[in-house]
Amino acid sequence: MTEADTNNLASLRAIYPTASIQTEGSKAVVLMPEAKFSVAGKMEQMALLLVPFEHSGYVTRLFFERRLEGAGQSQNWTEHMVLSRKWWAPSWKDVVATQPWVRMLCAHLRAVA
């Protein structure tokens, strides 16, 4: 884990104290179990997985433990296997990898806000 990864993880832990670094294909991804966030005006809680690098044709990805029906601006959800587990991701692009992970997470969550 790089120093930047360590700093980014510390910032995420200020919001989600149980956030942890996992490894997917020798790269760091961030698991946030039981993350709470707003979806179309109501609170949801589930595991989130932030992938701060290119994945499946997107610059960065945020994977959700389950698909959110009718959530936010994106209705196009796809299933993916990451960390040997099924995840869901909306079609939401252009969240750049050069920004801090907290900002990246917020940019991805706009897809379901």
N, C-alpha and C. Protein backbone atom coordinates (compact mmCIF):
# COMPACT_ATOMS: atom_id res chain seq x y z
N MET A 1 0.85 -1.18 0.00
CA MET A 1 0.00 0.00 0.00
C MET A 1 0.90 1.24 0.00
N THR A 2 0.57 2.19 -0.86
CA THR A 2 1.37 3.41 -0.96
C THR A 2 0.99 4.39 0.15
N GLU A 3 1.81 5.41 0.32
CA GLU A 3 1.50 6.45 1.30
C GLU A 3 0.20 7.17 0.94
N ALA A 4 -0.01 7.40 -0.36
CA ALA A 4 -1.26 8.03 -0.80
C ALA A 4 -2.46 7.15 -0.44
N ASP A 5 -2.33 5.83 -0.64
CA ASP A 5 -3.41 4.91 -0.27
C ASP A 5 -3.70 4.99 1.23
N THR A 6 -2.65 5.03 2.03
CA THR A 6 -2.79 5.12 3.49
C THR A 6 -3.53 6.39 3.87
N ASN A 7 -3.16 7.51 3.27
CA ASN A 7 -3.83 8.79 3.55
C ASN A 7 -5.28 8.78 3.10
N ASN A 8 -5.52 8.23 1.91
CA ASN A 8 -6.89 8.14 1.40
C ASN A 8 -7.75 7.25 2.29
N LEU A 9 -7.20 6.13 2.74
CA LEU A 9 -7.95 5.24 3.62
C LEU A 9 -8.28 5.92 4.93
N ALA A 10 -7.34 6.66 5.49
CA ALA A 10 -7.59 7.38 6.74
C ALA A 10 -8.74 8.37 6.58
N SER A 11 -8.80 9.06 5.45
CA SER A 11 -9.89 10.00 5.19
C SER A 11 -11.23 9.28 5.08
N LEU A 12 -11.25 8.14 4.40
CA LEU A 12 -12.49 7.36 4.30
C LEU A 12 -12.93 6.82 5.65
N ARG A 13 -11.97 6.44 6.47
CA ARG A 13 -12.32 5.92 7.80
C ARG A 13 -12.93 6.97 8.71
N ALA A 14 -12.72 8.24 8.41
CA ALA A 14 -13.39 9.30 9.17
C ALA A 14 -14.90 9.23 8.93
N ILE A 15 -15.31 8.71 7.78
CA ILE A 15 -16.73 8.57 7.43
C ILE A 15 -17.21 7.15 7.73
N TYR A 16 -16.43 6.17 7.30
CA TYR A 16 -16.75 4.75 7.48
C TYR A 16 -15.59 4.09 8.23
N PRO A 17 -15.65 4.07 9.56
CA PRO A 17 -14.52 3.57 10.37
C PRO A 17 -14.09 2.13 10.06
N THR A 18 -14.97 1.33 9.50
CA THR A 18 -14.62 -0.07 9.21
C THR A 18 -14.07 -0.27 7.80
N ALA A 19 -13.86 0.81 7.06
CA ALA A 19 -13.30 0.70 5.70
C ALA A 19 -11.95 0.00 5.76
N SER A 20 -11.71 -0.87 4.79
CA SER A 20 -10.44 -1.59 4.76
C SER A 20 -9.95 -1.78 3.33
N ILE A 21 -8.65 -1.88 3.21
CA ILE A 21 -8.03 -2.14 1.91
C ILE A 21 -8.08 -3.64 1.65
N GLN A 22 -8.54 -3.98 0.46
CA GLN A 22 -8.53 -5.35 -0.03
C GLN A 22 -7.68 -5.34 -1.31
N THR A 23 -7.35 -6.51 -1.80
CA THR A 23 -6.55 -6.57 -3.02
C THR A 23 -7.32 -7.29 -4.11
N GLU A 24 -7.40 -6.65 -5.27
CA GLU A 24 -8.03 -7.22 -6.45
C GLU A 24 -7.02 -7.11 -7.58
N GLY A 25 -6.52 -8.25 -8.04
CA GLY A 25 -5.52 -8.24 -9.11
C GLY A 25 -4.29 -7.43 -8.76
N SER A 26 -3.81 -7.52 -7.56
CA SER A 26 -2.64 -6.84 -7.02
C SER A 26 -2.82 -5.33 -6.85
N LYS A 27 -4.05 -4.85 -6.97
CA LYS A 27 -4.32 -3.42 -6.77
C LYS A 27 -5.23 -3.23 -5.56
N ALA A 28 -5.08 -2.08 -4.90
CA ALA A 28 -5.87 -1.76 -3.71
C ALA A 28 -7.28 -1.33 -4.08
N VAL A 29 -8.26 -1.98 -3.45
CA VAL A 29 -9.66 -1.56 -3.51
C VAL A 29 -10.12 -1.35 -2.07
N VAL A 30 -11.19 -0.60 -1.88
CA VAL A 30 -11.63 -0.27 -0.53
C VAL A 30 -13.01 -0.85 -0.26
N LEU A 31 -13.08 -1.71 0.73
CA LEU A 31 -14.33 -2.30 1.18
C LEU A 31 -14.87 -1.47 2.33
N MET A 32 -16.13 -1.06 2.20
CA MET A 32 -16.82 -0.31 3.25
C MET A 32 -18.06 -1.10 3.66
N PRO A 33 -17.91 -2.02 4.61
CA PRO A 33 -19.06 -2.83 5.02
C PRO A 33 -20.08 -1.97 5.77
N GLU A 34 -21.34 -2.24 5.55
CA GLU A 34 -22.42 -1.54 6.25
C GLU A 34 -22.35 -0.02 6.11
N ALA A 35 -22.00 0.44 4.92
CA ALA A 35 -21.95 1.88 4.65
C ALA A 35 -23.36 2.45 4.60
N LYS A 36 -23.55 3.60 5.19
CA LYS A 36 -24.84 4.30 5.13
C LYS A 36 -24.71 5.45 4.15
N PHE A 37 -25.74 5.62 3.30
CA PHE A 37 -25.74 6.69 2.32
C PHE A 37 -27.17 6.96 1.89
N SER A 38 -27.39 8.11 1.29
CA SER A 38 -28.73 8.52 0.87
C SER A 38 -29.01 8.09 -0.56
N VAL A 39 -30.20 7.54 -0.76
CA VAL A 39 -30.66 7.12 -2.09
C VAL A 39 -32.04 7.71 -2.29
N ALA A 40 -32.15 8.61 -3.25
CA ALA A 40 -33.45 9.23 -3.58
C ALA A 40 -34.17 9.70 -2.32
N GLY A 41 -33.44 10.35 -1.41
CA GLY A 41 -34.05 10.95 -0.23
C GLY A 41 -34.23 10.04 0.97
N LYS A 42 -33.82 8.78 0.88
CA LYS A 42 -33.92 7.91 2.06
C LYS A 42 -32.58 7.22 2.29
N MET A 43 -32.36 6.79 3.53
CA MET A 43 -31.09 6.18 3.90
C MET A 43 -31.07 4.70 3.54
N GLU A 44 -29.93 4.26 3.03
CA GLU A 44 -29.67 2.85 2.73
C GLU A 44 -28.43 2.44 3.51
N GLN A 45 -28.29 1.15 3.71
CA GLN A 45 -27.08 0.63 4.34
C GLN A 45 -26.73 -0.70 3.68
N MET A 46 -25.49 -0.78 3.21
CA MET A 46 -24.99 -2.00 2.58
C MET A 46 -23.49 -1.87 2.38
N ALA A 47 -22.86 -2.95 1.98
CA ALA A 47 -21.43 -2.91 1.67
C ALA A 47 -21.22 -2.20 0.34
N LEU A 48 -20.18 -1.37 0.30
CA LEU A 48 -19.74 -0.70 -0.92
C LEU A 48 -18.29 -1.09 -1.17
N LEU A 49 -17.92 -1.10 -2.43
CA LEU A 49 -16.54 -1.41 -2.80
C LEU A 49 -16.07 -0.35 -3.79
N LEU A 50 -15.11 0.46 -3.38
CA LEU A 50 -14.56 1.50 -4.23
C LEU A 50 -13.34 0.96 -4.96
N VAL A 51 -13.38 1.06 -6.28
CA VAL A 51 -12.27 0.63 -7.13
C VAL A 51 -11.68 1.91 -7.74
N PRO A 52 -10.55 2.40 -7.19
CA PRO A 52 -10.01 3.69 -7.62
C PRO A 52 -9.10 3.61 -8.85
N PHE A 53 -9.41 2.69 -9.74
CA PHE A 53 -8.65 2.53 -10.98
C PHE A 53 -9.61 2.01 -12.05
N GLU A 54 -9.15 1.94 -13.28
CA GLU A 54 -9.98 1.50 -14.40
C GLU A 54 -10.48 0.07 -14.17
N HIS A 55 -11.78 -0.08 -14.40
CA HIS A 55 -12.40 -1.40 -14.25
C HIS A 55 -13.60 -1.49 -15.20
N SER A 56 -13.65 -2.53 -15.96
CA SER A 56 -14.78 -2.83 -16.86
C SER A 56 -15.17 -1.65 -17.75
N GLY A 57 -14.16 -0.96 -18.27
CA GLY A 57 -14.41 0.13 -19.21
C GLY A 57 -14.70 1.48 -18.58
N TYR A 58 -14.63 1.59 -17.26
CA TYR A 58 -14.86 2.86 -16.56
C TYR A 58 -13.57 3.28 -15.88
N VAL A 59 -13.36 4.58 -15.76
CA VAL A 59 -12.13 5.12 -15.19
C VAL A 59 -11.97 4.66 -13.74
N THR A 60 -13.04 4.70 -12.96
CA THR A 60 -13.12 4.17 -11.59
C THR A 60 -14.51 3.59 -11.43
N ARG A 61 -14.72 2.79 -10.39
CA ARG A 61 -16.05 2.20 -10.16
C ARG A 61 -16.37 2.20 -8.68
N LEU A 62 -17.66 2.27 -8.38
CA LEU A 62 -18.17 2.01 -7.05
C LEU A 62 -19.17 0.88 -7.20
N PHE A 63 -18.91 -0.21 -6.49
CA PHE A 63 -19.78 -1.38 -6.53
C PHE A 63 -20.64 -1.41 -5.27
N PHE A 64 -21.88 -1.84 -5.46
CA PHE A 64 -22.86 -1.92 -4.40
C PHE A 64 -23.19 -3.39 -4.13
N GLU A 65 -23.45 -3.69 -2.88
CA GLU A 65 -23.78 -5.06 -2.49
C GLU A 65 -25.03 -5.57 -3.21
N ARG A 66 -25.95 -4.67 -3.48
CA ARG A 66 -27.16 -5.06 -4.21
C ARG A 66 -27.59 -3.92 -5.14
N ARG A 67 -28.36 -4.28 -6.11
CA ARG A 67 -28.89 -3.32 -7.08
C ARG A 67 -29.94 -2.45 -6.39
N LEU A 68 -29.94 -1.17 -6.72
CA LEU A 68 -30.92 -0.22 -6.18
C LEU A 68 -31.92 0.12 -7.27
N GLU A 69 -33.10 -0.39 -7.16
CA GLU A 69 -34.14 -0.15 -8.17
C GLU A 69 -34.60 1.31 -8.13
N GLY A 70 -34.64 1.93 -9.30
CA GLY A 70 -35.16 3.29 -9.42
C GLY A 70 -34.33 4.35 -8.73
N ALA A 71 -33.07 4.07 -8.47
CA ALA A 71 -32.23 4.99 -7.71
C ALA A 71 -31.58 6.02 -8.62
N GLY A 72 -31.78 7.27 -8.26
CA GLY A 72 -31.03 8.37 -8.85
C GLY A 72 -31.08 8.47 -10.36
N GLN A 73 -29.94 8.89 -10.90
CA GLN A 73 -29.87 9.21 -12.31
C GLN A 73 -29.56 8.00 -13.19
N SER A 74 -29.10 6.92 -12.59
CA SER A 74 -28.70 5.78 -13.39
C SER A 74 -29.64 4.60 -13.18
N GLN A 75 -30.24 4.13 -14.25
CA GLN A 75 -31.11 2.97 -14.18
C GLN A 75 -30.44 1.73 -14.78
N ASN A 76 -29.25 1.88 -15.34
CA ASN A 76 -28.56 0.79 -16.02
C ASN A 76 -27.53 0.15 -15.08
N TRP A 77 -27.93 -0.93 -14.40
CA TRP A 77 -27.07 -1.62 -13.44
C TRP A 77 -26.55 -2.91 -14.06
N THR A 78 -25.28 -3.23 -13.76
CA THR A 78 -24.69 -4.47 -14.25
C THR A 78 -24.07 -5.23 -13.08
N GLU A 79 -24.04 -6.54 -13.23
CA GLU A 79 -23.49 -7.42 -12.20
C GLU A 79 -22.02 -7.70 -12.51
N HIS A 80 -21.19 -7.73 -11.47
CA HIS A 80 -19.76 -7.97 -11.61
C HIS A 80 -19.28 -8.90 -10.50
N MET A 81 -18.22 -9.63 -10.78
CA MET A 81 -17.55 -10.43 -9.75
C MET A 81 -16.25 -9.73 -9.37
N VAL A 82 -16.16 -9.30 -8.13
CA VAL A 82 -14.96 -8.65 -7.61
C VAL A 82 -14.73 -9.22 -6.21
N LEU A 83 -13.49 -9.50 -5.89
CA LEU A 83 -13.15 -10.13 -4.61
C LEU A 83 -13.92 -11.44 -4.42
N SER A 84 -14.10 -12.17 -5.50
CA SER A 84 -14.79 -13.46 -5.49
C SER A 84 -16.22 -13.37 -4.98
N ARG A 85 -16.85 -12.26 -5.27
CA ARG A 85 -18.20 -12.00 -4.77
C ARG A 85 -18.98 -11.19 -5.79
N LYS A 86 -20.29 -11.35 -5.81
CA LYS A 86 -21.15 -10.61 -6.74
C LYS A 86 -21.40 -9.19 -6.22
N TRP A 87 -21.24 -8.21 -7.12
CA TRP A 87 -21.49 -6.80 -6.83
C TRP A 87 -22.31 -6.22 -7.96
N TRP A 88 -22.94 -5.08 -7.71
CA TRP A 88 -23.70 -4.36 -8.72
C TRP A 88 -23.12 -2.96 -8.89
N ALA A 89 -23.15 -2.47 -10.13
CA ALA A 89 -22.67 -1.10 -10.39
C ALA A 89 -23.58 -0.43 -11.40
N PRO A 90 -23.92 0.83 -11.15
CA PRO A 90 -24.68 1.58 -12.15
C PRO A 90 -23.76 2.06 -13.26
N SER A 91 -24.33 2.38 -14.38
CA SER A 91 -23.56 2.99 -15.46
C SER A 91 -23.36 4.46 -15.09
N TRP A 92 -22.19 4.78 -14.63
CA TRP A 92 -21.87 6.13 -14.15
C TRP A 92 -20.40 6.34 -14.42
N LYS A 93 -20.09 7.25 -15.34
CA LYS A 93 -18.71 7.31 -15.82
C LYS A 93 -18.02 8.64 -15.52
N ASP A 94 -16.75 8.64 -15.85
CA ASP A 94 -15.91 9.83 -15.80
C ASP A 94 -15.62 10.33 -14.39
N VAL A 95 -15.61 9.44 -13.40
CA VAL A 95 -15.15 9.81 -12.06
C VAL A 95 -13.65 9.52 -12.05
N VAL A 96 -12.86 10.57 -12.09
CA VAL A 96 -11.42 10.43 -12.33
C VAL A 96 -10.68 9.83 -11.14
N ALA A 97 -9.61 9.12 -11.45
CA ALA A 97 -8.81 8.42 -10.44
C ALA A 97 -7.81 9.32 -9.73
N THR A 98 -7.61 10.54 -10.20
CA THR A 98 -6.60 11.42 -9.62
C THR A 98 -7.10 12.18 -8.39
N GLN A 99 -8.37 12.10 -8.10
CA GLN A 99 -8.90 12.82 -6.94
C GLN A 99 -8.84 11.96 -5.68
N PRO A 100 -8.91 12.59 -4.51
CA PRO A 100 -8.92 11.83 -3.26
C PRO A 100 -10.10 10.85 -3.23
N TRP A 101 -9.92 9.74 -2.52
CA TRP A 101 -10.94 8.69 -2.51
C TRP A 101 -12.28 9.16 -1.93
N VAL A 102 -12.26 10.05 -0.95
CA VAL A 102 -13.53 10.56 -0.41
C VAL A 102 -14.29 11.31 -1.49
N ARG A 103 -13.61 12.14 -2.23
CA ARG A 103 -14.25 12.89 -3.31
C ARG A 103 -14.73 11.93 -4.41
N MET A 104 -13.93 10.91 -4.70
CA MET A 104 -14.29 9.89 -5.69
C MET A 104 -15.57 9.17 -5.26
N LEU A 105 -15.63 8.78 -3.99
CA LEU A 105 -16.80 8.10 -3.45
C LEU A 105 -18.04 8.98 -3.59
N CYS A 106 -17.92 10.24 -3.21
CA CYS A 106 -19.05 11.18 -3.31
C CYS A 106 -19.51 11.35 -4.76
N ALA A 107 -18.56 11.43 -5.68
CA ALA A 107 -18.89 11.58 -7.10
C ALA A 107 -19.66 10.35 -7.59
N HIS A 108 -19.27 9.17 -7.14
CA HIS A 108 -19.99 7.95 -7.55
C HIS A 108 -21.36 7.89 -6.89
N LEU A 109 -21.48 8.31 -5.65
CA LEU A 109 -22.77 8.25 -4.98
C LEU A 109 -23.81 9.19 -5.58
N ARG A 110 -23.34 10.21 -6.32
CA ARG A 110 -24.29 11.09 -7.02
C ARG A 110 -25.17 10.31 -7.99
N ALA A 111 -24.69 9.17 -8.48
CA ALA A 111 -25.47 8.35 -9.41
C ALA A 111 -26.75 7.82 -8.78
N VAL A 112 -26.77 7.68 -7.45
CA VAL A 112 -27.94 7.12 -6.79
C VAL A 112 -28.64 8.12 -5.88
N ALA A 113 -28.12 9.34 -5.81
CA ALA A 113 -28.69 10.35 -4.90
C ALA A 113 -30.09 10.77 -5.30
